[in-house]
Amino acid sequence: MSSLTITIREVSAGPVLAIAGDLDFDTAAQLRDELARIVLVPGRRLVLDLAGLTFCDSSGIAAFIAARNHAHAARADIALATVPDHTLRILRVVGLDQVFAFQRDASADPATPPGGPCAATGA
């Protein structure tokens, strides 16, 4: 079984979920369960910090979309932070780089889409 660790902390803009390990069929439900427990406030921002993400399959991508739906239902924003190159590639292929806001780090403001001056790769 894959391992996944989710650490939740609050910053001034809203909750940050630091996701580390493999986000796949075996672990995506763990992220969805954590998201369901988070109460979002309109105008705040949910950040998924992916710096520790080692693997992400289609189940993980579906969990990101569930997080986006949860945030939008609460009239909150969502951003993906410190997205690893392997995950950023998948997001680009499926067009989700046009759907999510991206941040260089979990405490920064949303940046331009990947490939811009504040891309997740730091380019």
PDB file of N, CA and C in Angstrom:
ATOM      1  N   MET A   1       0.836  -1.182   0.000  1.00  0.00           N
ATOM      2  CA  MET A   1       0.000   0.000   0.000  1.00  0.00           C
ATOM      3  C   MET A   1       0.878   1.241   0.000  1.00  0.00           C
ATOM      4  N   SER A   2       0.472   2.238  -0.745  1.00  0.00           N
ATOM      5  CA  SER A   2       1.192   3.504  -0.832  1.00  0.00           C
ATOM      6  C   SER A   2       1.013   4.289   0.457  1.00  0.00           C
ATOM      7  N   SER A   3       1.982   5.146   0.731  1.00  0.00           N
ATOM      8  CA  SER A   3       1.836   5.976   1.919  1.00  0.00           C
ATOM      9  C   SER A   3       1.604   7.426   1.511  1.00  0.00           C
ATOM     10  N   LEU A   4       0.768   8.095   2.272  1.00  0.00           N
ATOM     11  CA  LEU A   4       0.453   9.494   2.048  1.00  0.00           C
ATOM     12  C   LEU A   4       0.353  10.165   3.409  1.00  0.00           C
ATOM     13  N   THR A   5       0.957  11.331   3.510  1.00  0.00           N
ATOM     14  CA  THR A   5       0.878  12.125   4.726  1.00  0.00           C
ATOM     15  C   THR A   5       0.268  13.465   4.371  1.00  0.00           C
ATOM     16  N   ILE A   6      -0.718  13.891   5.145  1.00  0.00           N
ATOM     17  CA  ILE A   6      -1.356  15.190   4.938  1.00  0.00           C
ATOM     18  C   ILE A   6      -1.254  15.957   6.251  1.00  0.00           C
ATOM     19  N   THR A   7      -0.604  17.111   6.174  1.00  0.00           N
ATOM     20  CA  THR A   7      -0.452  17.976   7.329  1.00  0.00           C
ATOM     21  C   THR A   7      -1.230  19.251   7.055  1.00  0.00           C
ATOM     22  N   ILE A   8      -2.073  19.627   8.005  1.00  0.00           N
ATOM     23  CA  ILE A   8      -2.921  20.811   7.820  1.00  0.00           C
ATOM     24  C   ILE A   8      -2.447  21.907   8.757  1.00  0.00           C
ATOM     25  N   ARG A   9      -2.329  23.114   8.190  1.00  0.00           N
ATOM     26  CA  ARG A   9      -2.001  24.283   9.003  1.00  0.00           C
ATOM     27  C   ARG A   9      -2.780  25.471   8.476  1.00  0.00           C
ATOM     28  N   GLU A  10      -2.917  26.469   9.312  1.00  0.00           N
ATOM     29  CA  GLU A  10      -3.623  27.693   8.931  1.00  0.00           C
ATOM     30  C   GLU A  10      -2.612  28.805   8.703  1.00  0.00           C
ATOM     31  N   VAL A  11      -2.818  29.571   7.647  1.00  0.00           N
ATOM     32  CA  VAL A  11      -2.081  30.802   7.411  1.00  0.00           C
ATOM     33  C   VAL A  11      -3.125  31.907   7.286  1.00  0.00           C
ATOM     34  N   SER A  12      -2.693  33.133   7.153  1.00  0.00           N
ATOM     35  CA  SER A  12      -3.650  34.239   7.140  1.00  0.00           C
ATOM     36  C   SER A  12      -4.659  34.125   6.005  1.00  0.00           C
ATOM     37  N   ALA A  13      -4.261  33.549   4.873  1.00  0.00           N
ATOM     38  CA  ALA A  13      -5.165  33.439   3.725  1.00  0.00           C
ATOM     39  C   ALA A  13      -6.139  32.272   3.838  1.00  0.00           C
ATOM     40  N   GLY A  14      -5.812  31.269   4.668  1.00  0.00           N
ATOM     41  CA  GLY A  14      -6.680  30.102   4.800  1.00  0.00           C
ATOM     42  C   GLY A  14      -5.896  28.838   5.083  1.00  0.00           C
ATOM     43  N   PRO A  15      -6.541  27.683   4.965  1.00  0.00           N
ATOM     44  CA  PRO A  15      -5.880  26.416   5.277  1.00  0.00           C
ATOM     45  C   PRO A  15      -4.895  25.984   4.195  1.00  0.00           C
ATOM     46  N   VAL A  16      -3.810  25.350   4.660  1.00  0.00           N
ATOM     47  CA  VAL A  16      -2.798  24.781   3.763  1.00  0.00           C
ATOM     48  C   VAL A  16      -2.703  23.303   4.088  1.00  0.00           C
ATOM     49  N   LEU A  17      -2.864  22.472   3.063  1.00  0.00           N
ATOM     50  CA  LEU A  17      -2.687  21.038   3.217  1.00  0.00           C
ATOM     51  C   LEU A  17      -1.383  20.650   2.546  1.00  0.00           C
ATOM     52  N   ALA A  18      -0.406  20.248   3.344  1.00  0.00           N
ATOM     53  CA  ALA A  18       0.870  19.765   2.810  1.00  0.00           C
ATOM     54  C   ALA A  18       0.710  18.273   2.536  1.00  0.00           C
ATOM     55  N   ILE A  19       0.840  17.913   1.271  1.00  0.00           N
ATOM     56  CA  ILE A  19       0.600  16.538   0.838  1.00  0.00           C
ATOM     57  C   ILE A  19       1.937  15.917   0.467  1.00  0.00           C
ATOM     58  N   ALA A  20       2.289  14.809   1.126  1.00  0.00           N
ATOM     59  CA  ALA A  20       3.570  14.152   0.893  1.00  0.00           C
ATOM     60  C   ALA A  20       3.356  12.667   0.658  1.00  0.00           C
ATOM     61  N   GLY A  21       4.094  12.123  -0.296  1.00  0.00           N
ATOM     62  CA  GLY A  21       4.018  10.699  -0.605  1.00  0.00           C
ATOM     63  C   GLY A  21       3.295  10.464  -1.906  1.00  0.00           C
ATOM     64  N   ASP A  22       2.705   9.292  -2.028  1.00  0.00           N
ATOM     65  CA  ASP A  22       2.016   8.881  -3.256  1.00  0.00           C
ATOM     66  C   ASP A  22       0.525   9.184  -3.159  1.00  0.00           C
ATOM     67  N   LEU A  23       0.031   9.944  -4.131  1.00  0.00           N
ATOM     68  CA  LEU A  23      -1.399  10.227  -4.221  1.00  0.00           C
ATOM     69  C   LEU A  23      -1.932   9.397  -5.381  1.00  0.00           C
ATOM     70  N   ASP A  24      -2.548   8.280  -5.031  1.00  0.00           N
ATOM     71  CA  ASP A  24      -2.978   7.329  -6.052  1.00  0.00           C
ATOM     72  C   ASP A  24      -4.301   6.684  -5.644  1.00  0.00           C
ATOM     73  N   PHE A  25      -4.671   5.642  -6.335  1.00  0.00           N
ATOM     74  CA  PHE A  25      -5.937   4.958  -6.081  1.00  0.00           C
ATOM     75  C   PHE A  25      -6.089   4.559  -4.612  1.00  0.00           C
ATOM     76  N   ASP A  26      -4.994   4.109  -4.001  1.00  0.00           N
ATOM     77  CA  ASP A  26      -5.043   3.646  -2.609  1.00  0.00           C
ATOM     78  C   ASP A  26      -5.142   4.778  -1.596  1.00  0.00           C
ATOM     79  N   THR A  27      -4.709   6.000  -1.962  1.00  0.00           N
ATOM     80  CA  THR A  27      -4.614   7.076  -0.974  1.00  0.00           C
ATOM     81  C   THR A  27      -5.484   8.297  -1.275  1.00  0.00           C
ATOM     82  N   ALA A  28      -6.040   8.400  -2.460  1.00  0.00           N
ATOM     83  CA  ALA A  28      -6.818   9.593  -2.829  1.00  0.00           C
ATOM     84  C   ALA A  28      -8.013   9.800  -1.900  1.00  0.00           C
ATOM     85  N   ALA A  29      -8.615   8.735  -1.431  1.00  0.00           N
ATOM     86  CA  ALA A  29      -9.753   8.868  -0.505  1.00  0.00           C
ATOM     87  C   ALA A  29      -9.331   9.552   0.790  1.00  0.00           C
ATOM     88  N   GLN A  30      -8.099   9.347   1.202  1.00  0.00           N
ATOM     89  CA  GLN A  30      -7.581  10.000   2.406  1.00  0.00           C
ATOM     90  C   GLN A  30      -7.595  11.521   2.226  1.00  0.00           C
ATOM     91  N   LEU A  31      -7.178  12.003   1.048  1.00  0.00           N
ATOM     92  CA  LEU A  31      -7.207  13.440   0.783  1.00  0.00           C
ATOM     93  C   LEU A  31      -8.645  13.943   0.719  1.00  0.00           C
ATOM     94  N   ARG A  32      -9.516  13.223   0.034  1.00  0.00           N
ATOM     95  CA  ARG A  32     -10.921  13.646  -0.041  1.00  0.00           C
ATOM     96  C   ARG A  32     -11.557  13.694   1.345  1.00  0.00           C
ATOM     97  N   ASP A  33     -11.230  12.737   2.217  1.00  0.00           N
ATOM     98  CA  ASP A  33     -11.762  12.735   3.587  1.00  0.00           C
ATOM     99  C   ASP A  33     -11.270  13.952   4.379  1.00  0.00           C
ATOM    100  N   GLU A  34      -9.986  14.282   4.243  1.00  0.00           N
ATOM    101  CA  GLU A  34      -9.446  15.465   4.927  1.00  0.00           C
ATOM    102  C   GLU A  34     -10.128  16.734   4.427  1.00  0.00           C
ATOM    103  N   LEU A  35     -10.330  16.822   3.130  1.00  0.00           N
ATOM    104  CA  LEU A  35     -10.987  17.991   2.549  1.00  0.00           C
ATOM    105  C   LEU A  35     -12.404  18.156   3.093  1.00  0.00           C
ATOM    106  N   ALA A  36     -13.114  17.058   3.258  1.00  0.00           N
ATOM    107  CA  ALA A  36     -14.496  17.113   3.745  1.00  0.00           C
ATOM    108  C   ALA A  36     -14.570  17.663   5.166  1.00  0.00           C
ATOM    109  N   ARG A  37     -13.498  17.507   5.937  1.00  0.00           N
ATOM    110  CA  ARG A  37     -13.480  17.987   7.317  1.00  0.00           C
ATOM    111  C   ARG A  37     -13.109  19.476   7.419  1.00  0.00           C
ATOM    112  N   ILE A  38     -12.601  20.047   6.343  1.00  0.00           N
ATOM    113  CA  ILE A  38     -12.163  21.441   6.379  1.00  0.00           C
ATOM    114  C   ILE A  38     -13.333  22.363   6.077  1.00  0.00           C
ATOM    115  N   VAL A  39     -13.560  23.288   6.980  1.00  0.00           N
ATOM    116  CA  VAL A  39     -14.604  24.289   6.775  1.00  0.00           C
ATOM    117  C   VAL A  39     -13.942  25.498   6.122  1.00  0.00           C
ATOM    118  N   LEU A  40     -14.402  25.825   4.932  1.00  0.00           N
ATOM    119  CA  LEU A  40     -13.849  26.959   4.195  1.00  0.00           C
ATOM    120  C   LEU A  40     -14.766  28.163   4.331  1.00  0.00           C
ATOM    121  N   VAL A  41     -14.172  29.321   4.353  1.00  0.00           N
ATOM    122  CA  VAL A  41     -14.894  30.576   4.492  1.00  0.00           C
ATOM    123  C   VAL A  41     -14.814  31.320   3.162  1.00  0.00           C
ATOM    124  N   PRO A  42     -15.922  31.899   2.712  1.00  0.00           N
ATOM    125  CA  PRO A  42     -15.880  32.663   1.460  1.00  0.00           C
ATOM    126  C   PRO A  42     -14.762  33.708   1.489  1.00  0.00           C
ATOM    127  N   GLY A  43     -14.070  33.805   0.366  1.00  0.00           N
ATOM    128  CA  GLY A  43     -13.005  34.779   0.238  1.00  0.00           C
ATOM    129  C   GLY A  43     -11.650  34.310   0.725  1.00  0.00           C
ATOM    130  N   ARG A  44     -11.591  33.175   1.402  1.00  0.00           N
ATOM    131  CA  ARG A  44     -10.300  32.626   1.847  1.00  0.00           C
ATOM    132  C   ARG A  44      -9.764  31.706   0.774  1.00  0.00           C
ATOM    133  N   ARG A  45      -8.562  31.195   0.969  1.00  0.00           N
ATOM    134  CA  ARG A  45      -7.928  30.356  -0.041  1.00  0.00           C
ATOM    135  C   ARG A  45      -7.455  29.041   0.564  1.00  0.00           C
ATOM    136  N   LEU A  46      -7.845  27.955  -0.063  1.00  0.00           N
ATOM    137  CA  LEU A  46      -7.341  26.623   0.256  1.00  0.00           C
ATOM    138  C   LEU A  46      -6.107  26.391  -0.600  1.00  0.00           C
ATOM    139  N   VAL A  47      -5.008  26.013   0.038  1.00  0.00           N
ATOM    140  CA  VAL A  47      -3.772  25.742  -0.694  1.00  0.00           C
ATOM    141  C   VAL A  47      -3.394  24.284  -0.500  1.00  0.00           C
ATOM    142  N   LEU A  48      -3.129  23.609  -1.601  1.00  0.00           N
ATOM    143  CA  LEU A  48      -2.590  22.256  -1.562  1.00  0.00           C
ATOM    144  C   LEU A  48      -1.105  22.374  -1.861  1.00  0.00           C
ATOM    145  N   ASP A  49      -0.281  22.152  -0.847  1.00  0.00           N
ATOM    146  CA  ASP A  49       1.171  22.239  -0.973  1.00  0.00           C
ATOM    147  C   ASP A  49       1.684  20.867  -1.393  1.00  0.00           C
ATOM    148  N   LEU A  50       2.183  20.788  -2.623  1.00  0.00           N
ATOM    149  CA  LEU A  50       2.562  19.503  -3.200  1.00  0.00           C
ATOM    150  C   LEU A  50       4.064  19.268  -3.202  1.00  0.00           C
ATOM    151  N   ALA A  51       4.810  20.020  -2.426  1.00  0.00           N
ATOM    152  CA  ALA A  51       6.274  19.900  -2.422  1.00  0.00           C
ATOM    153  C   ALA A  51       6.737  18.470  -2.130  1.00  0.00           C
ATOM    154  N   GLY A  52       6.026  17.763  -1.279  1.00  0.00           N
ATOM    155  CA  GLY A  52       6.426  16.406  -0.904  1.00  0.00           C
ATOM    156  C   GLY A  52       5.767  15.308  -1.710  1.00  0.00           C
ATOM    157  N   LEU A  53       5.023  15.670  -2.743  1.00  0.00           N
ATOM    158  CA  LEU A  53       4.322  14.674  -3.549  1.00  0.00           C
ATOM    159  C   LEU A  53       5.325  13.913  -4.411  1.00  0.00           C
ATOM    160  N   THR A  54       5.343  12.592  -4.276  1.00  0.00           N
ATOM    161  CA  THR A  54       6.290  11.779  -5.035  1.00  0.00           C
ATOM    162  C   THR A  54       5.663  11.106  -6.245  1.00  0.00           C
ATOM    163  N   PHE A  55       4.335  10.949  -6.227  1.00  0.00           N
ATOM    164  CA  PHE A  55       3.640  10.297  -7.334  1.00  0.00           C
ATOM    165  C   PHE A  55       2.190  10.746  -7.326  1.00  0.00           C
ATOM    166  N   CYS A  56       1.615  10.905  -8.517  1.00  0.00           N
ATOM    167  CA  CYS A  56       0.205  11.266  -8.624  1.00  0.00           C
ATOM    168  C   CYS A  56      -0.379  10.595  -9.859  1.00  0.00           C
ATOM    169  N   ASP A  57      -1.434   9.817  -9.676  1.00  0.00           N
ATOM    170  CA  ASP A  57      -2.110   9.204 -10.818  1.00  0.00           C
ATOM    171  C   ASP A  57      -3.458   9.884 -11.034  1.00  0.00           C
ATOM    172  N   SER A  58      -4.292   9.299 -11.873  1.00  0.00           N
ATOM    173  CA  SER A  58      -5.584   9.908 -12.204  1.00  0.00           C
ATOM    174  C   SER A  58      -6.488  10.036 -10.980  1.00  0.00           C
ATOM    175  N   SER A  59      -6.359   9.154 -10.014  1.00  0.00           N
ATOM    176  CA  SER A  59      -7.144   9.265  -8.782  1.00  0.00           C
ATOM    177  C   SER A  59      -6.723  10.499  -7.997  1.00  0.00           C
ATOM    178  N   GLY A  60      -5.453  10.806  -8.010  1.00  0.00           N
ATOM    179  CA  GLY A  60      -4.961  12.013  -7.361  1.00  0.00           C
ATOM    180  C   GLY A  60      -5.455  13.261  -8.062  1.00  0.00           C
ATOM    181  N   ILE A  61      -5.445  13.244  -9.383  1.00  0.00           N
ATOM    182  CA  ILE A  61      -5.964  14.376 -10.156  1.00  0.00           C
ATOM    183  C   ILE A  61      -7.444  14.575  -9.833  1.00  0.00           C
ATOM    184  N   ALA A  62      -8.185  13.479  -9.739  1.00  0.00           N
ATOM    185  CA  ALA A  62      -9.604  13.576  -9.386  1.00  0.00           C
ATOM    186  C   ALA A  62      -9.774  14.180  -7.990  1.00  0.00           C
ATOM    187  N   ALA A  63      -8.866  13.870  -7.069  1.00  0.00           N
ATOM    188  CA  ALA A  63      -8.926  14.451  -5.726  1.00  0.00           C
ATOM    189  C   ALA A  63      -8.649  15.957  -5.770  1.00  0.00           C
ATOM    190  N   PHE A  64      -7.756  16.393  -6.657  1.00  0.00           N
ATOM    191  CA  PHE A  64      -7.519  17.836  -6.824  1.00  0.00           C
ATOM    192  C   PHE A  64      -8.791  18.522  -7.321  1.00  0.00           C
ATOM    193  N   ILE A  65      -9.470  17.884  -8.247  1.00  0.00           N
ATOM    194  CA  ILE A  65     -10.717  18.452  -8.778  1.00  0.00           C
ATOM    195  C   ILE A  65     -11.783  18.483  -7.686  1.00  0.00           C
ATOM    196  N   ALA A  66     -11.832  17.446  -6.855  1.00  0.00           N
ATOM    197  CA  ALA A  66     -12.772  17.442  -5.720  1.00  0.00           C
ATOM    198  C   ALA A  66     -12.452  18.587  -4.761  1.00  0.00           C
ATOM    199  N   ALA A  67     -11.166  18.862  -4.547  1.00  0.00           N
ATOM    200  CA  ALA A  67     -10.764  19.979  -3.686  1.00  0.00           C
ATOM    201  C   ALA A  67     -11.216  21.299  -4.290  1.00  0.00           C
ATOM    202  N   ARG A  68     -11.078  21.426  -5.600  1.00  0.00           N
ATOM    203  CA  ARG A  68     -11.523  22.646  -6.289  1.00  0.00           C
ATOM    204  C   ARG A  68     -13.032  22.810  -6.138  1.00  0.00           C
ATOM    205  N   ASN A  69     -13.771  21.732  -6.327  1.00  0.00           N
ATOM    206  CA  ASN A  69     -15.233  21.792  -6.184  1.00  0.00           C
ATOM    207  C   ASN A  69     -15.636  22.164  -4.757  1.00  0.00           C
ATOM    208  N   HIS A  70     -14.932  21.617  -3.775  1.00  0.00           N
ATOM    209  CA  HIS A  70     -15.196  21.928  -2.362  1.00  0.00           C
ATOM    210  C   HIS A  70     -14.954  23.414  -2.106  1.00  0.00           C
ATOM    211  N   ALA A  71     -13.854  23.939  -2.615  1.00  0.00           N
ATOM    212  CA  ALA A  71     -13.533  25.357  -2.421  1.00  0.00           C
ATOM    213  C   ALA A  71     -14.565  26.249  -3.105  1.00  0.00           C
ATOM    214  N   HIS A  72     -14.901  25.930  -4.337  1.00  0.00           N
ATOM    215  CA  HIS A  72     -15.851  26.765  -5.072  1.00  0.00           C
ATOM    216  C   HIS A  72     -17.247  26.720  -4.456  1.00  0.00           C
ATOM    217  N   ALA A  73     -17.637  25.575  -3.914  1.00  0.00           N
ATOM    218  CA  ALA A  73     -18.943  25.481  -3.249  1.00  0.00           C
ATOM    219  C   ALA A  73     -18.997  26.400  -2.031  1.00  0.00           C
ATOM    220  N   ALA A  74     -17.844  26.627  -1.408  1.00  0.00           N
ATOM    221  CA  ALA A  74     -17.770  27.507  -0.237  1.00  0.00           C
ATOM    222  C   ALA A  74     -17.436  28.948  -0.633  1.00  0.00           C
ATOM    223  N   ARG A  75     -17.373  29.210  -1.927  1.00  0.00           N
ATOM    224  CA  ARG A  75     -16.980  30.536  -2.449  1.00  0.00           C
ATOM    225  C   ARG A  75     -15.585  30.933  -1.978  1.00  0.00           C
ATOM    226  N   ALA A  76     -14.721  29.948  -1.891  1.00  0.00           N
ATOM    227  CA  ALA A  76     -13.319  30.164  -1.529  1.00  0.00           C
ATOM    228  C   ALA A  76     -12.458  29.912  -2.763  1.00  0.00           C
ATOM    229  N   ASP A  77     -11.229  30.396  -2.714  1.00  0.00           N
ATOM    230  CA  ASP A  77     -10.270  30.153  -3.783  1.00  0.00           C
ATOM    231  C   ASP A  77      -9.495  28.886  -3.473  1.00  0.00           C
ATOM    232  N   ILE A  78      -8.784  28.398  -4.488  1.00  0.00           N
ATOM    233  CA  ILE A  78      -7.889  27.258  -4.302  1.00  0.00           C
ATOM    234  C   ILE A  78      -6.655  27.490  -5.148  1.00  0.00           C
ATOM    235  N   ALA A  79      -5.517  27.033  -4.626  1.00  0.00           N
ATOM    236  CA  ALA A  79      -4.264  27.119  -5.366  1.00  0.00           C
ATOM    237  C   ALA A  79      -3.441  25.877  -5.070  1.00  0.00           C
ATOM    238  N   LEU A  80      -2.645  25.490  -6.047  1.00  0.00           N
ATOM    239  CA  LEU A  80      -1.671  24.415  -5.875  1.00  0.00           C
ATOM    240  C   LEU A  80      -0.316  25.075  -5.708  1.00  0.00           C
ATOM    241  N   ALA A  81       0.436  24.656  -4.690  1.00  0.00           N
ATOM    242  CA  ALA A  81       1.739  25.260  -4.409  1.00  0.00           C
ATOM    243  C   ALA A  81       2.857  24.241  -4.577  1.00  0.00           C
ATOM    244  N   THR A  82       4.007  24.733  -4.956  1.00  0.00           N
ATOM    245  CA  THR A  82       5.233  23.931  -5.113  1.00  0.00           C
ATOM    246  C   THR A  82       4.953  22.606  -5.825  1.00  0.00           C
ATOM    247  N   VAL A  83       4.371  22.713  -6.990  1.00  0.00           N
ATOM    248  CA  VAL A  83       3.980  21.531  -7.763  1.00  0.00           C
ATOM    249  C   VAL A  83       5.226  20.888  -8.371  1.00  0.00           C
ATOM    250  N   PRO A  84       5.473  19.606  -8.077  1.00  0.00           N
ATOM    251  CA  PRO A  84       6.622  18.924  -8.669  1.00  0.00           C
ATOM    252  C   PRO A  84       6.485  18.832 -10.191  1.00  0.00           C
ATOM    253  N   ASP A  85       7.603  18.794 -10.876  1.00  0.00           N
ATOM    254  CA  ASP A  85       7.600  18.740 -12.338  1.00  0.00           C
ATOM    255  C   ASP A  85       6.780  17.573 -12.890  1.00  0.00           C
ATOM    256  N   HIS A  86       6.888  16.399 -12.262  1.00  0.00           N
ATOM    257  CA  HIS A  86       6.162  15.235 -12.771  1.00  0.00           C
ATOM    258  C   HIS A  86       4.652  15.436 -12.689  1.00  0.00           C
ATOM    259  N   THR A  87       4.184  16.127 -11.666  1.00  0.00           N
ATOM    260  CA  THR A  87       2.752  16.394 -11.532  1.00  0.00           C
ATOM    261  C   THR A  87       2.339  17.556 -12.415  1.00  0.00           C
ATOM    262  N   LEU A  88       3.186  18.555 -12.523  1.00  0.00           N
ATOM    263  CA  LEU A  88       2.901  19.690 -13.392  1.00  0.00           C
ATOM    264  C   LEU A  88       2.728  19.235 -14.837  1.00  0.00           C
ATOM    265  N   ARG A  89       3.530  18.285 -15.259  1.00  0.00           N
ATOM    266  CA  ARG A  89       3.410  17.744 -16.618  1.00  0.00           C
ATOM    267  C   ARG A  89       2.032  17.128 -16.840  1.00  0.00           C
ATOM    268  N   ILE A  90       1.559  16.354 -15.885  1.00  0.00           N
ATOM    269  CA  ILE A  90       0.235  15.736 -15.991  1.00  0.00           C
ATOM    270  C   ILE A  90      -0.850  16.815 -16.044  1.00  0.00           C
ATOM    271  N   LEU A  91      -0.751  17.808 -15.174  1.00  0.00           N
ATOM    272  CA  LEU A  91      -1.744  18.882 -15.149  1.00  0.00           C
ATOM    273  C   LEU A  91      -1.786  19.618 -16.483  1.00  0.00           C
ATOM    274  N   ARG A  92      -0.630  19.819 -17.098  1.00  0.00           N
ATOM    275  CA  ARG A  92      -0.589  20.473 -18.408  1.00  0.00           C
ATOM    276  C   ARG A  92      -1.235  19.605 -19.481  1.00  0.00           C
ATOM    277  N   VAL A  93      -0.925  18.320 -19.471  1.00  0.00           N
ATOM    278  CA  VAL A  93      -1.454  17.408 -20.498  1.00  0.00           C
ATOM    279  C   VAL A  93      -2.979  17.386 -20.470  1.00  0.00           C
ATOM    280  N   VAL A  94      -3.559  17.380 -19.293  1.00  0.00           N
ATOM    281  CA  VAL A  94      -5.020  17.306 -19.188  1.00  0.00           C
ATOM    282  C   VAL A  94      -5.696  18.678 -19.142  1.00  0.00           C
ATOM    283  N   GLY A  95      -4.907  19.742 -19.236  1.00  0.00           N
ATOM    284  CA  GLY A  95      -5.464  21.085 -19.307  1.00  0.00           C
ATOM    285  C   GLY A  95      -5.796  21.730 -17.970  1.00  0.00           C
ATOM    286  N   LEU A  96      -5.427  21.093 -16.881  1.00  0.00           N
ATOM    287  CA  LEU A  96      -5.761  21.657 -15.568  1.00  0.00           C
ATOM    288  C   LEU A  96      -4.831  22.799 -15.168  1.00  0.00           C
ATOM    289  N   ASP A  97      -3.770  23.021 -15.938  1.00  0.00           N
ATOM    290  CA  ASP A  97      -2.934  24.191 -15.685  1.00  0.00           C
ATOM    291  C   ASP A  97      -3.687  25.476 -16.033  1.00  0.00           C
ATOM    292  N   GLN A  98      -4.802  25.333 -16.757  1.00  0.00           N
ATOM    293  CA  GLN A  98      -5.648  26.475 -17.086  1.00  0.00           C
ATOM    294  C   GLN A  98      -6.791  26.648 -16.081  1.00  0.00           C
ATOM    295  N   VAL A  99      -6.929  25.699 -15.172  1.00  0.00           N
ATOM    296  CA  VAL A  99      -8.038  25.694 -14.217  1.00  0.00           C
ATOM    297  C   VAL A  99      -7.580  26.121 -12.819  1.00  0.00           C
ATOM    298  N   PHE A 100      -6.402  25.668 -12.415  1.00  0.00           N
ATOM    299  CA  PHE A 100      -5.905  25.946 -11.071  1.00  0.00           C
ATOM    300  C   PHE A 100      -4.982  27.163 -11.058  1.00  0.00           C
ATOM    301  N   ALA A 101      -5.013  27.893  -9.950  1.00  0.00           N
ATOM    302  CA  ALA A 101      -3.997  28.905  -9.672  1.00  0.00           C
ATOM    303  C   ALA A 101      -2.793  28.173  -9.088  1.00  0.00           C
ATOM    304  N   PHE A 102      -1.609  28.704  -9.352  1.00  0.00           N
ATOM    305  CA  PHE A 102      -0.381  28.086  -8.870  1.00  0.00           C
ATOM    306  C   PHE A 102       0.399  29.082  -8.036  1.00  0.00           C
ATOM    307  N   GLN A 103       1.112  28.555  -7.044  1.00  0.00           N
ATOM    308  CA  GLN A 103       1.951  29.358  -6.173  1.00  0.00           C
ATOM    309  C   GLN A 103       3.331  28.748  -6.107  1.00  0.00           C
ATOM    310  N   ARG A 104       4.327  29.612  -5.964  1.00  0.00           N
ATOM    311  CA  ARG A 104       5.702  29.145  -5.809  1.00  0.00           C
ATOM    312  C   ARG A 104       5.884  28.396  -4.503  1.00  0.00           C
ATOM    313  N   ASP A 105       5.259  28.917  -3.446  1.00  0.00           N
ATOM    314  CA  ASP A 105       5.303  28.240  -2.150  1.00  0.00           C
ATOM    315  C   ASP A 105       3.950  28.396  -1.468  1.00  0.00           C
ATOM    316  N   ALA A 106       3.771  27.697  -0.383  1.00  0.00           N
ATOM    317  CA  ALA A 106       2.454  27.628   0.256  1.00  0.00           C
ATOM    318  C   ALA A 106       2.013  28.930   0.900  1.00  0.00           C
ATOM    319  N   SER A 107       2.925  29.853   1.143  1.00  0.00           N
ATOM    320  CA  SER A 107       2.543  31.096   1.806  1.00  0.00           C
ATOM    321  C   SER A 107       2.453  32.274   0.846  1.00  0.00           C
ATOM    322  N   ALA A 108       2.763  32.053  -0.435  1.00  0.00           N
ATOM    323  CA  ALA A 108       2.770  33.140  -1.416  1.00  0.00           C
ATOM    324  C   ALA A 108       1.378  33.390  -1.975  1.00  0.00           C
ATOM    325  N   ASP A 109       1.243  34.478  -2.705  1.00  0.00           N
ATOM    326  CA  ASP A 109       0.012  34.764  -3.427  1.00  0.00           C
ATOM    327  C   ASP A 109      -0.034  33.921  -4.688  1.00  0.00           C
ATOM    328  N   PRO A 110      -1.240  33.678  -5.232  1.00  0.00           N
ATOM    329  CA  PRO A 110      -1.317  32.917  -6.476  1.00  0.00           C
ATOM    330  C   PRO A 110      -0.463  33.575  -7.555  1.00  0.00           C
ATOM    331  N   ALA A 111       0.150  32.733  -8.355  1.00  0.00           N
ATOM    332  CA  ALA A 111       1.041  33.202  -9.406  1.00  0.00           C
ATOM    333  C   ALA A 111       0.412  33.001 -10.772  1.00  0.00           C
ATOM    334  N   THR A 112       1.171  33.330 -11.776  1.00  0.00           N
ATOM    335  CA  THR A 112       0.733  33.082 -13.136  1.00  0.00           C
ATOM    336  C   THR A 112       0.718  31.582 -13.384  1.00  0.00           C
ATOM    337  N   PRO A 113       0.033  31.126 -14.436  1.00  0.00           N
ATOM    338  CA  PRO A 113       0.004  29.694 -14.722  1.00  0.00           C
ATOM    339  C   PRO A 113       1.400  29.140 -14.960  1.00  0.00           C
ATOM    340  N   PRO A 114       1.596  27.837 -14.787  1.00  0.00           N
ATOM    341  CA  PRO A 114       2.905  27.229 -14.996  1.00  0.00           C
ATOM    342  C   PRO A 114       3.449  27.613 -16.365  1.00  0.00           C
ATOM    343  N   GLY A 115       4.734  27.873 -16.403  1.00  0.00           N
ATOM    344  CA  GLY A 115       5.374  28.285 -17.635  1.00  0.00           C
ATOM    345  C   GLY A 115       5.607  29.782 -17.645  1.00  0.00           C
ATOM    346  N   GLY A 116       4.905  30.519 -16.773  1.00  0.00           N
ATOM    347  CA  GLY A 116       5.092  31.958 -16.661  1.00  0.00           C
ATOM    348  C   GLY A 116       6.250  32.257 -15.727  1.00  0.00           C
ATOM    349  N   PRO A 117       6.459  33.543 -15.390  1.00  0.00           N
ATOM    350  CA  PRO A 117       7.605  33.921 -14.586  1.00  0.00           C
ATOM    351  C   PRO A 117       7.612  33.360 -13.167  1.00  0.00           C
ATOM    352  N   CYS A 118       6.475  32.943 -12.652  1.00  0.00           N
ATOM    353  CA  CYS A 118       6.418  32.390 -11.297  1.00  0.00           C
ATOM    354  C   CYS A 118       6.030  30.928 -11.338  1.00  0.00           C
ATOM    355  N   ALA A 119       6.456  30.237 -12.364  1.00  0.00           N
ATOM    356  CA  ALA A 119       6.083  28.839 -12.541  1.00  0.00           C
ATOM    357  C   ALA A 119       6.573  27.994 -11.378  1.00  0.00           C
ATOM    358  N   ALA A 120       5.932  26.880 -11.207  1.00  0.00           N
ATOM    359  CA  ALA A 120       6.276  25.976 -10.110  1.00  0.00           C
ATOM    360  C   ALA A 120       7.719  25.508 -10.190  1.00  0.00           C
ATOM    361  N   THR A 121       8.282  25.533 -11.374  1.00  0.00           N
ATOM    362  CA  THR A 121       9.664  25.082 -11.532  1.00  0.00           C
ATOM    363  C   THR A 121      10.656  26.177 -11.198  1.00  0.00           C
ATOM    364  N   GLY A 122      10.165  27.412 -10.989  1.00  0.00           N
ATOM    365  CA  GLY A 122      11.047  28.507 -10.631  1.00  0.00           C
ATOM    366  C   GLY A 122      11.676  29.196 -11.818  1.00  0.00           C
ATOM    367  N   ALA A 123      11.292  28.823 -13.018  1.00  0.00           N
ATOM    368  CA  ALA A 123      11.889  29.411 -14.221  1.00  0.00           C
ATOM    369  C   ALA A 123      11.407  30.819 -14.451  1.00  0.00           C
TER     370      ALA A 123
END
